[in-house]
C-alpha atoms as a PDB file:
ATOM      1  CA  MET A   1       0.000   0.000   0.000  1.00  0.00           C
ATOM      2  CA  PHE A   2       2.782   2.415   0.903  1.00  0.00           C
ATOM      3  CA  LYS A   3       5.612   2.167  -1.602  1.00  0.00           C
ATOM      4  CA  LYS A   4       6.952   5.681  -1.274  1.00  0.00           C
ATOM      5  CA  ILE A   5       6.526   8.049   1.679  1.00  0.00           C
ATOM      6  CA  LEU A   6       7.448  11.728   1.389  1.00  0.00           C
ATOM      7  CA  LEU A   7       8.646  13.203   4.681  1.00  0.00           C
ATOM      8  CA  ALA A   8       8.554  16.993   4.481  1.00  0.00           C
ATOM      9  CA  THR A   9      10.777  18.314   7.246  1.00  0.00           C
ATOM     10  CA  SER A  10      12.689  21.411   8.237  1.00  0.00           C
ATOM     11  CA  GLY A  11      14.881  19.315  10.514  1.00  0.00           C
ATOM     12  CA  ALA A  12      13.519  21.192  13.536  1.00  0.00           C
ATOM     13  CA  PRO A  13      12.522  19.307  16.717  1.00  0.00           C
ATOM     14  CA  SER A  14       8.855  20.028  15.948  1.00  0.00           C
ATOM     15  CA  THR A  15       9.135  17.613  13.000  1.00  0.00           C
ATOM     16  CA  PHE A  16      10.740  14.721  14.907  1.00  0.00           C
ATOM     17  CA  GLY A  17       7.388  13.052  15.594  1.00  0.00           C
ATOM     18  CA  ALA A  18       6.498  13.097  11.897  1.00  0.00           C
ATOM     19  CA  ALA A  19       9.916  11.670  11.045  1.00  0.00           C
ATOM     20  CA  ARG A  20       9.558   8.840  13.524  1.00  0.00           C
ATOM     21  CA  VAL A  21       6.199   7.854  12.047  1.00  0.00           C
ATOM     22  CA  ALA A  22       7.444   8.057   8.448  1.00  0.00           C
ATOM     23  CA  PHE A  23      10.515   5.905   9.053  1.00  0.00           C
ATOM     24  CA  ASP A  24       8.661   3.407  11.214  1.00  0.00           C
ATOM     25  CA  MET A  25       6.022   2.962   8.518  1.00  0.00           C
ATOM     26  CA  ALA A  26       8.701   2.544   5.868  1.00  0.00           C
ATOM     27  CA  LYS A  27      10.462  -0.096   7.950  1.00  0.00           C
ATOM     28  CA  ARG A  28       7.276  -2.057   8.612  1.00  0.00           C
ATOM     29  CA  TYR A  29       5.812  -1.880   5.128  1.00  0.00           C
ATOM     30  CA  GLY A  30       8.959  -1.910   2.986  1.00  0.00           C
ATOM     31  CA  ALA A  31       8.516   1.610   1.657  1.00  0.00           C
ATOM     32  CA  GLU A  32      11.058   4.154   0.492  1.00  0.00           C
ATOM     33  CA  VAL A  33      11.375   7.402   2.442  1.00  0.00           C
ATOM     34  CA  VAL A  34      12.047  10.605   0.536  1.00  0.00           C
ATOM     35  CA  VAL A  35      13.250  13.241   2.999  1.00  0.00           C
ATOM     36  CA  LEU A  36      12.443  16.655   1.533  1.00  0.00           C
ATOM     37  CA  ASN A  37      13.918  19.857   2.927  1.00  0.00           C
ATOM     38  CA  VAL A  38      12.953  23.222   1.458  1.00  0.00           C
ATOM     39  CA  MET A  39      15.962  25.311   2.403  1.00  0.00           C
ATOM     40  CA  GLY A  40      14.402  28.698   1.758  1.00  0.00           C
ATOM     41  CA  VAL A  41      12.268  30.967  -0.367  1.00  0.00           C
ATOM     42  CA  PRO A  42      14.234  32.748  -3.132  1.00  0.00           C
ATOM     43  CA  THR A  43      14.340  36.533  -2.927  1.00  0.00           C
ATOM     44  CA  LYS A  44      13.135  38.525  -5.894  1.00  0.00           C
ATOM     45  CA  ALA A  45      16.569  39.788  -6.822  1.00  0.00           C
ATOM     46  CA  PHE A  46      18.710  36.643  -6.785  1.00  0.00           C
ATOM     47  CA  SER A  47      17.491  33.074  -7.015  1.00  0.00           C
ATOM     48  CA  HIS A  48      20.526  31.785  -5.101  1.00  0.00           C
ATOM     49  CA  ILE A  49      19.788  34.117  -2.189  1.00  0.00           C
ATOM     50  CA  VAL A  50      16.939  32.735  -0.105  1.00  0.00           C
ATOM     51  CA  ASN A  51      15.074  33.576   3.070  1.00  0.00           C
ATOM     52  CA  ASP A  52      15.595  30.670   5.441  1.00  0.00           C
ATOM     53  CA  VAL A  53      12.294  28.920   6.124  1.00  0.00           C
ATOM     54  CA  ARG A  54      12.940  28.634   9.859  1.00  0.00           C
ATOM     55  CA  THR A  55      14.773  31.865  10.702  1.00  0.00           C
ATOM     56  CA  GLY A  56      13.794  34.232   7.898  1.00  0.00           C
ATOM     57  CA  GLU A  57      17.462  35.198   7.450  1.00  0.00           C
ATOM     58  CA  GLU A  58      18.930  35.672   3.987  1.00  0.00           C
ATOM     59  CA  ILE A  59      21.256  32.825   3.005  1.00  0.00           C
ATOM     60  CA  GLU A  60      23.276  32.187  -0.122  1.00  0.00           C
ATOM     61  CA  VAL A  61      22.568  28.668  -1.342  1.00  0.00           C
ATOM     62  CA  ASP A  62      25.740  27.289  -2.905  1.00  0.00           C
ATOM     63  CA  GLU A  63      27.212  23.789  -3.016  1.00  0.00           C
ATOM     64  CA  GLU A  64      28.885  24.261   0.347  1.00  0.00           C
ATOM     65  CA  TYR A  65      25.598  25.249   1.991  1.00  0.00           C
ATOM     66  CA  ARG A  66      23.724  22.380   0.320  1.00  0.00           C
ATOM     67  CA  SER A  67      26.335  19.912   1.558  1.00  0.00           C
ATOM     68  CA  TRP A  68      26.046  21.313   5.063  1.00  0.00           C
ATOM     69  CA  VAL A  69      22.236  21.010   5.099  1.00  0.00           C
ATOM     70  CA  GLU A  70      22.376  17.462   3.735  1.00  0.00           C
ATOM     71  CA  GLU A  71      24.938  16.443   6.346  1.00  0.00           C
ATOM     72  CA  GLU A  72      22.793  18.003   9.089  1.00  0.00           C
ATOM     73  CA  LEU A  73      19.765  15.999   7.959  1.00  0.00           C
ATOM     74  CA  LYS A  74      21.784  12.789   7.765  1.00  0.00           C
ATOM     75  CA  THR A  75      23.067  13.378  11.290  1.00  0.00           C
ATOM     76  CA  THR A  76      19.630  14.305  12.659  1.00  0.00           C
ATOM     77  CA  PHE A  77      17.922  11.224  11.207  1.00  0.00           C
ATOM     78  CA  GLU A  78      20.921   8.890  11.231  1.00  0.00           C
ATOM     79  CA  LYS A  79      19.350   6.182  13.383  1.00  0.00           C
ATOM     80  CA  GLN A  80      16.069   6.219  11.425  1.00  0.00           C
ATOM     81  CA  ILE A  81      17.824   6.099   8.050  1.00  0.00           C
ATOM     82  CA  GLU A  82      19.713   3.006   9.157  1.00  0.00           C
ATOM     83  CA  THR A  83      16.439   1.155   9.813  1.00  0.00           C
ATOM     84  CA  VAL A  84      15.069   1.396   6.262  1.00  0.00           C
ATOM     85  CA  GLU A  85      16.301  -0.197   3.065  1.00  0.00           C
ATOM     86  CA  TYR A  86      15.525   2.691   0.754  1.00  0.00           C
ATOM     87  CA  SER A  87      15.807   6.393   1.511  1.00  0.00           C
ATOM     88  CA  LYS A  88      17.096   9.567  -0.059  1.00  0.00           C
ATOM     89  CA  ILE A  89      17.374  13.256   0.733  1.00  0.00           C
ATOM     90  CA  VAL A  90      16.029  15.911  -1.623  1.00  0.00           C
ATOM     91  CA  LEU A  91      17.038  19.554  -1.136  1.00  0.00           C
ATOM     92  CA  THR A  92      15.362  22.429  -2.907  1.00  0.00           C
ATOM     93  CA  THR A  93      14.412  26.081  -2.638  1.00  0.00           C
ATOM     94  CA  GLY A  94      11.039  27.675  -3.249  1.00  0.00           C
ATOM     95  CA  VAL A  95       7.686  28.197  -1.583  1.00  0.00           C
ATOM     96  CA  PRO A  96       7.474  25.199   0.802  1.00  0.00           C
ATOM     97  CA  SER A  97       3.923  24.105  -0.055  1.00  0.00           C
ATOM     98  CA  ARG A  98       4.610  24.220  -3.800  1.00  0.00           C
ATOM     99  CA  GLU A  99       7.838  22.287  -3.482  1.00  0.00           C
ATOM    100  CA  ILE A 100       6.253  19.616  -1.286  1.00  0.00           C
ATOM    101  CA  LEU A 101       3.462  19.137  -3.813  1.00  0.00           C
ATOM    102  CA  ARG A 102       5.920  19.152  -6.705  1.00  0.00           C
ATOM    103  CA  CYS A 103       8.139  16.552  -5.055  1.00  0.00           C
ATOM    104  CA  ALA A 104       5.149  14.350  -4.168  1.00  0.00           C
ATOM    105  CA  ARG A 105       4.038  14.477  -7.782  1.00  0.00           C
ATOM    106  CA  GLU A 106       7.497  13.792  -9.246  1.00  0.00           C
ATOM    107  CA  GLU A 107       8.206  10.977  -6.800  1.00  0.00           C
ATOM    108  CA  ASP A 108       4.674   9.547  -7.167  1.00  0.00           C
ATOM    109  CA  ALA A 109       4.385   9.458  -3.370  1.00  0.00           C
ATOM    110  CA  ASP A 110       1.638   7.392  -1.770  1.00  0.00           C
ATOM    111  CA  LEU A 111       1.646   9.437   1.429  1.00  0.00           C
ATOM    112  CA  ILE A 112       2.940  12.809   2.606  1.00  0.00           C
ATOM    113  CA  VAL A 113       3.992  12.995   6.263  1.00  0.00           C
ATOM    114  CA  MET A 114       4.599  16.364   7.903  1.00  0.00           C
ATOM    115  CA  GLY A 115       4.205  18.383  11.068  1.00  0.00           C
ATOM    116  CA  ALA A 116       1.414  20.892  11.573  1.00  0.00           C
ATOM    117  CA  SER A 117       3.836  23.807  11.489  1.00  0.00           C
ATOM    118  CA  SER A 118       7.499  24.590  11.014  1.00  0.00           C
ATOM    119  CA  GLY A 119       7.950  24.879  14.754  1.00  0.00           C
ATOM    120  CA  ASP A 120       6.338  28.209  15.605  1.00  0.00           C
ATOM    121  CA  SER A 121       4.536  27.521  18.866  1.00  0.00           C
ATOM    122  CA  SER A 122       2.304  30.561  18.293  1.00  0.00           C
ATOM    123  CA  VAL A 123       0.521  28.507  15.649  1.00  0.00           C
ATOM    124  CA  TYR A 124      -0.921  26.351  18.400  1.00  0.00           C
ATOM    125  CA  ARG A 125      -1.825  29.313  20.583  1.00  0.00           C
ATOM    126  CA  LYS A 126      -3.811  30.728  17.676  1.00  0.00           C
ATOM    127  CA  GLY A 127      -5.523  27.382  17.249  1.00  0.00           C
ATOM    128  CA  TYR A 128      -4.864  26.513  13.627  1.00  0.00           C
ATOM    129  CA  PRO A 129      -2.301  24.515  11.662  1.00  0.00           C
ATOM    130  CA  GLY A 130       0.416  26.267   9.671  1.00  0.00           C
ATOM    131  CA  SER A 131      -0.261  27.681   6.211  1.00  0.00           C
ATOM    132  CA  THR A 132       2.071  25.174   4.539  1.00  0.00           C
ATOM    133  CA  LEU A 133       0.003  22.258   5.827  1.00  0.00           C
ATOM    134  CA  GLN A 134      -3.186  24.037   4.804  1.00  0.00           C
ATOM    135  CA  LYS A 135      -1.976  24.420   1.220  1.00  0.00           C
ATOM    136  CA  VAL A 136      -0.484  20.943   0.938  1.00  0.00           C
ATOM    137  CA  ALA A 137      -3.533  19.186   2.390  1.00  0.00           C
ATOM    138  CA  LYS A 138      -5.812  21.104   0.037  1.00  0.00           C
ATOM    139  CA  ALA A 139      -3.989  20.268  -3.175  1.00  0.00           C
ATOM    140  CA  ALA A 140      -2.243  16.938  -2.535  1.00  0.00           C
ATOM    141  CA  ARG A 141      -3.222  14.035  -4.768  1.00  0.00           C
ATOM    142  CA  CYS A 142      -2.327  11.557  -2.041  1.00  0.00           C
ATOM    143  CA  PRO A 143      -3.359  11.450   1.637  1.00  0.00           C
ATOM    144  CA  VAL A 144      -1.499  13.755   4.020  1.00  0.00           C
ATOM    145  CA  MET A 145      -0.539  12.495   7.473  1.00  0.00           C
ATOM    146  CA  THR A 146       0.034  15.064  10.185  1.00  0.00           C
ATOM    147  CA  VAL A 147       1.944  14.541  13.431  1.00  0.00           C
ATOM    148  CA  HIS A 148       1.957  17.861  15.203  1.00  0.00           C
ATOM    149  CA  ARG A 149       4.050  16.873  18.226  1.00  0.00           C
ATOM    150  CA  GLU A 150       6.245  13.937  19.176  1.00  0.00           C
ATOM    151  CA  THR A 151       3.818  12.664  21.796  1.00  0.00           C
ATOM    152  CA  ALA A 152       1.245  12.284  18.996  1.00  0.00           C
ATOM    153  CA  SER A 153       3.401   9.815  17.067  1.00  0.00           C
ATOM    154  CA  TYR A 154       2.638   6.158  17.498  1.00  0.00           C
ATOM    155  CA  TRP A 155       4.756   3.383  18.946  1.00  0.00           C
ATOM    156  CA  GLY A 156       4.822   0.018  17.226  1.00  0.00           C
ATOM    157  CA  GLY A 157       2.663   0.221  14.119  1.00  0.00           C
ATOM    158  CA  PHE A 158      -1.074   0.439  13.544  1.00  0.00           C
ATOM    159  CA  SER A 159      -3.673  -1.709  15.263  1.00  0.00           C
ATOM    160  CA  ASN A 160      -6.773   0.495  15.458  1.00  0.00           C
ATOM    161  CA  ILE A 161      -7.982   3.150  13.014  1.00  0.00           C
ATOM    162  CA  VAL A 162     -10.770   5.632  13.708  1.00  0.00           C
ATOM    163  CA  PHE A 163     -12.567   6.938  10.630  1.00  0.00           C
ATOM    164  CA  ALA A 164     -14.640  10.009  11.469  1.00  0.00           C
ATOM    165  CA  THR A 165     -17.383  10.829   8.970  1.00  0.00           C
ATOM    166  CA  ASP A 166     -19.767  13.704   8.454  1.00  0.00           C
ATOM    167  CA  PHE A 167     -21.390  11.900   5.493  1.00  0.00           C
ATOM    168  CA  SER A 168     -20.026  14.476   3.038  1.00  0.00           C
ATOM    169  CA  LYS A 169     -18.920  13.547  -0.469  1.00  0.00           C
ATOM    170  CA  GLN A 170     -15.298  14.113   0.560  1.00  0.00           C
ATOM    171  CA  ALA A 171     -15.685  11.569   3.372  1.00  0.00           C
ATOM    172  CA  GLU A 172     -16.102   8.813   0.762  1.00  0.00           C
ATOM    173  CA  SER A 173     -12.444   9.092  -0.242  1.00  0.00           C
ATOM    174  CA  ALA A 174     -11.360   9.176   3.390  1.00  0.00           C
ATOM    175  CA  PHE A 175     -13.370   6.025   4.046  1.00  0.00           C
ATOM    176  CA  ARG A 176     -11.748   4.175   1.146  1.00  0.00           C
ATOM    177  CA  PHE A 177      -8.317   5.068   2.501  1.00  0.00           C
ATOM    178  CA  ALA A 178      -9.257   4.005   6.033  1.00  0.00           C
ATOM    179  CA  LEU A 179     -10.711   0.698   4.853  1.00  0.00           C
ATOM    180  CA  SER A 180      -7.813  -0.200   2.570  1.00  0.00           C
ATOM    181  CA  SER A 181      -5.358   0.701   5.344  1.00  0.00           C
ATOM    182  CA  ALA A 182      -7.218  -1.472   7.853  1.00  0.00           C
ATOM    183  CA  ARG A 183      -7.295  -4.381   5.401  1.00  0.00           C
ATOM    184  CA  GLU A 184      -3.640  -4.278   4.454  1.00  0.00           C
ATOM    185  CA  MET A 185      -2.297  -3.567   7.931  1.00  0.00           C
ATOM    186  CA  GLY A 186      -4.613  -5.935   9.786  1.00  0.00           C
ATOM    187  CA  CYS A 187      -6.250  -3.213  11.888  1.00  0.00           C
ATOM    188  CA  ASP A 188      -9.543  -2.828  13.643  1.00  0.00           C
ATOM    189  CA  LEU A 189     -11.629  -0.036  12.161  1.00  0.00           C
ATOM    190  CA  THR A 190     -14.028   2.203  14.057  1.00  0.00           C
ATOM    191  CA  LEU A 191     -16.609   4.132  12.024  1.00  0.00           C
ATOM    192  CA  LEU A 192     -17.572   7.222  14.005  1.00  0.00           C
ATOM    193  CA  HIS A 193     -20.057   9.998  13.472  1.00  0.00           C
ATOM    194  CA  ALA A 194     -20.021  12.834  15.985  1.00  0.00           C
ATOM    195  CA  LEU A 195     -23.451  14.427  16.093  1.00  0.00           C
ATOM    196  CA  ASP A 196     -22.958  18.165  16.469  1.00  0.00           C
ATOM    197  CA  ILE A 197     -25.208  19.487  19.213  1.00  0.00           C
ATOM    198  CA  SER A 198     -22.937  22.347  20.285  1.00  0.00           C
ATOM    199  CA  GLY A 199     -24.907  25.515  20.887  1.00  0.00           C
ATOM    200  CA  LYS A 200     -28.208  23.725  20.390  1.00  0.00           C
ATOM    201  CA  VAL A 201     -31.032  23.108  22.822  1.00  0.00           C
ATOM    202  CA  LEU A 202     -32.513  19.740  21.901  1.00  0.00           C
ATOM    203  CA  ASP A 203     -34.958  17.427  23.581  1.00  0.00           C
ATOM    204  CA  GLN A 204     -33.244  14.201  24.679  1.00  0.00           C
ATOM    205  CA  ASN A 205     -35.673  12.140  22.620  1.00  0.00           C
ATOM    206  CA  GLU A 206     -34.746  14.200  19.567  1.00  0.00           C
ATOM    207  CA  ILE A 207     -31.045  13.612  20.223  1.00  0.00           C
ATOM    208  CA  GLU A 208     -31.574   9.881  20.555  1.00  0.00           C
ATOM    209  CA  ASP A 209     -33.601   9.798  17.334  1.00  0.00           C
ATOM    210  CA  GLN A 210     -30.760  11.535  15.509  1.00  0.00           C
ATOM    211  CA  LEU A 211     -28.225   9.106  16.984  1.00  0.00           C
ATOM    212  CA  ILE A 212     -30.255   6.143  15.743  1.00  0.00           C
ATOM    213  CA  ALA A 213     -30.634   7.743  12.308  1.00  0.00           C
ATOM    214  CA  ALA A 214     -26.878   8.375  12.073  1.00  0.00           C
ATOM    215  CA  ARG A 215     -26.076   4.787  13.031  1.00  0.00           C
ATOM    216  CA  ASP A 216     -28.480   3.514  10.383  1.00  0.00           C
ATOM    217  CA  ARG A 217     -26.897   5.851   7.838  1.00  0.00           C
ATOM    218  CA  ILE A 218     -23.419   4.503   8.581  1.00  0.00           C
ATOM    219  CA  ARG A 219     -24.683   0.955   8.068  1.00  0.00           C
ATOM    220  CA  ALA A 220     -26.359   1.892   4.801  1.00  0.00           C
ATOM    221  CA  THR A 221     -23.495   4.029   3.448  1.00  0.00           C
ATOM    222  CA  TYR A 222     -20.310   2.203   4.410  1.00  0.00           C
ATOM    223  CA  VAL A 223     -20.993  -1.364   5.513  1.00  0.00           C
ATOM    224  CA  PRO A 224     -22.031  -2.550   2.004  1.00  0.00           C
ATOM    225  CA  LEU A 225     -18.613  -1.377   0.734  1.00  0.00           C
ATOM    226  CA  MET A 226     -16.660  -3.519   3.207  1.00  0.00           C
ATOM    227  CA  GLY A 227     -17.158  -6.885   1.580  1.00  0.00           C
ATOM    228  CA  ASP A 228     -15.733  -9.594   3.803  1.00  0.00           C
ATOM    229  CA  PHE A 229     -14.012  -7.146   6.181  1.00  0.00           C
ATOM    230  CA  LYS A 230     -15.473  -7.819   9.636  1.00  0.00           C
ATOM    231  CA  ASP A 231     -13.093  -6.139  12.085  1.00  0.00           C
ATOM    232  CA  PHE A 232     -15.099  -2.967  12.528  1.00  0.00           C
ATOM    233  CA  ASP A 233     -17.555  -1.345  14.871  1.00  0.00           C
ATOM    234  CA  ILE A 234     -19.894   1.621  14.610  1.00  0.00           C
ATOM    235  CA  GLU A 235     -20.061   4.476  17.098  1.00  0.00           C
ATOM    236  CA  VAL A 236     -22.262   7.573  17.144  1.00  0.00           C
ATOM    237  CA  TRP A 237     -21.636  10.135  19.867  1.00  0.00           C
ATOM    238  CA  GLU A 238     -23.138  13.560  20.455  1.00  0.00           C
ATOM    239  CA  GLY A 239     -21.307  16.728  21.454  1.00  0.00           C
ATOM    240  CA  VAL A 240     -18.680  19.007  19.944  1.00  0.00           C
ATOM    241  CA  PRO A 241     -17.376  16.953  16.981  1.00  0.00           C
ATOM    242  CA  TYR A 242     -13.632  17.450  17.451  1.00  0.00           C
ATOM    243  CA  VAL A 243     -13.910  16.720  21.171  1.00  0.00           C
ATOM    244  CA  GLU A 244     -15.825  13.494  20.535  1.00  0.00           C
ATOM    245  CA  ILE A 245     -13.393  12.361  17.818  1.00  0.00           C
ATOM    246  CA  VAL A 246     -10.368  12.905  20.062  1.00  0.00           C
ATOM    247  CA  LYS A 247     -12.149  11.185  22.980  1.00  0.00           C
ATOM    248  CA  MET A 248     -13.044   8.198  20.812  1.00  0.00           C
ATOM    249  CA  ALA A 249      -9.482   7.862  19.556  1.00  0.00           C
ATOM    250  CA  ARG A 250      -8.244   7.922  23.142  1.00  0.00           C
ATOM    251  CA  GLU A 251     -10.815   5.382  24.322  1.00  0.00           C
ATOM    252  CA  LYS A 252      -9.982   3.012  21.446  1.00  0.00           C
ATOM    253  CA  SER A 253      -6.236   3.554  21.870  1.00  0.00           C
ATOM    254  CA  ALA A 254      -6.290   4.461  18.182  1.00  0.00           C
ATOM    255  CA  ASP A 255      -3.051   4.643  16.246  1.00  0.00           C
ATOM    256  CA  LEU A 256      -4.533   6.694  13.419  1.00  0.00           C
ATOM    257  CA  ILE A 257      -7.461   9.045  12.771  1.00  0.00           C
ATOM    258  CA  VAL A 258      -8.693   9.399   9.181  1.00  0.00           C
ATOM    259  CA  MET A 259     -10.919  12.287   8.105  1.00  0.00           C
ATOM    260  CA  ALA A 260     -11.936  14.212   5.022  1.00  0.00           C
ATOM    261  CA  HIS A 261      -9.921  17.358   4.377  1.00  0.00           C
ATOM    262  CA  HIS A 262     -13.097  19.456   4.419  1.00  0.00           C
ATOM    263  CA  ASN A 263     -16.790  18.806   4.662  1.00  0.00           C
ATOM    264  CA  HIS A 264     -18.470  21.253   2.330  1.00  0.00           C
ATOM    265  CA  GLU A 265     -19.548  20.564  -1.222  1.00  0.00           C
ATOM    266  CA  LEU A 266     -16.898  22.863  -2.613  1.00  0.00           C
ATOM    267  CA  ASP A 267     -14.213  22.714  -5.225  1.00  0.00           C
ATOM    268  CA  PRO A 268     -11.394  20.953  -3.308  1.00  0.00           C
ATOM    269  CA  GLU A 269      -8.907  23.292  -4.973  1.00  0.00           C
ATOM    270  CA  LYS A 270     -10.473  26.184  -3.019  1.00  0.00           C
ATOM    271  CA  ALA A 271     -11.451  24.525   0.255  1.00  0.00           C
ATOM    272  CA  ARG A 272      -9.295  24.964   3.347  1.00  0.00           C
ATOM    273  CA  ILE A 273      -9.014  22.390   6.106  1.00  0.00           C
ATOM    274  CA  GLY A 274     -12.270  22.238   8.019  1.00  0.00           C
ATOM    275  CA  SER A 275     -12.405  23.600  11.553  1.00  0.00           C
ATOM    276  CA  THR A 276     -13.069  20.148  13.021  1.00  0.00           C
ATOM    277  CA  MET A 277     -10.013  18.726  11.242  1.00  0.00           C
ATOM    278  CA  GLU A 278      -7.909  21.630  12.496  1.00  0.00           C
ATOM    279  CA  GLN A 279      -8.801  20.981  16.104  1.00  0.00           C
ATOM    280  CA  VAL A 280      -8.368  17.213  15.806  1.00  0.00           C
ATOM    281  CA  ILE A 281      -4.868  17.723  14.342  1.00  0.00           C
ATOM    282  CA  LEU A 282      -3.911  19.987  17.231  1.00  0.00           C
ATOM    283  CA  ARG A 283      -5.359  17.798  19.997  1.00  0.00           C
ATOM    284  CA  ALA A 284      -5.133  14.165  18.888  1.00  0.00           C
ATOM    285  CA  GLY A 285      -2.727  11.804  20.614  1.00  0.00           C
ATOM    286  CA  CYS A 286      -1.980   9.958  17.364  1.00  0.00           C
ATOM    287  CA  PRO A 287      -1.271  10.790  13.703  1.00  0.00           C
ATOM    288  CA  VAL A 288      -4.132  12.260  11.674  1.00  0.00           C
ATOM    289  CA  VAL A 289      -4.627  11.646   7.949  1.00  0.00           C
ATOM    290  CA  SER A 290      -6.377  14.213   5.798  1.00  0.00           C
ATOM    291  CA  VAL A 291      -7.823  12.966   2.511  1.00  0.00           C
ATOM    292  CA  SER A 292      -8.758  15.640  -0.007  1.00  0.00           C
ATOM    293  CA  LYS A 293      -8.877  13.863  -3.366  1.00  0.00           C
ATOM    294  CA  PRO A 294      -9.712  10.315  -4.438  1.00  0.00           C
ATOM    295  CA  ASP A 295      -6.626   9.872  -6.640  1.00  0.00           C
ATOM    296  CA  LYS A 296      -4.459   7.687  -4.401  1.00  0.00           C
ATOM    297  CA  VAL A 297      -6.587   6.171  -1.660  1.00  0.00           C
END
């Protein structure tokens, strides 16, 4: 299922969790890891003078600097690189989101793994993932896995996947990815719908009717697509959706959460990550996969 994994990293500590997941997956499933580092954004005047992605300082990118960056990455990820059979480092300059998408396309990556930001802690105080992730997740032809902190990276492979659905058209692609992952990796799969009752005053009987209707809809929408796959269960909880998704993942000791990139019937080229996805990425105790397009699921 995973033949080539693209790890987009600045080499900063904030990306160590994403790196650990990418290399562990590659080791377990025999995949190649492409370690991509976007060294900086070229200035308008000189293409070999760039603004460093992490510091914002102007740096001249010559062969000596490239060699230094490559050696730094090899040293940083030395132990992980030794655990996989195939890996390579790709260095480039440009707008990070564009270069990540370009590399994923050229390498025909099956999965992009990255952190939620380049390491700016203010991103989390503001409550949204970094702009690079936003742009990559929106346009990527393959699923995008996010590990926003090291404590959210898994230990020892996948055993339980939570697929959270809002019944949108985009959720269909996310479901196909979740199901195929569960099949190939021998995982249990939990199909979850979080009924949004935040800010609403509802009669308890009305809530329970909606819960029953949602459970029936899951059975009608997804179960017929599972074939002989039996290792699944269905859960419908009410509350604030991102809170219920994170709680379910914790209760199930989930190793992976899979969701649609957005939930509106919009052109995926224009849609940003949905607010529920944003909050799940920031709060989940495991990796989160965003699926935007059906190309490689």
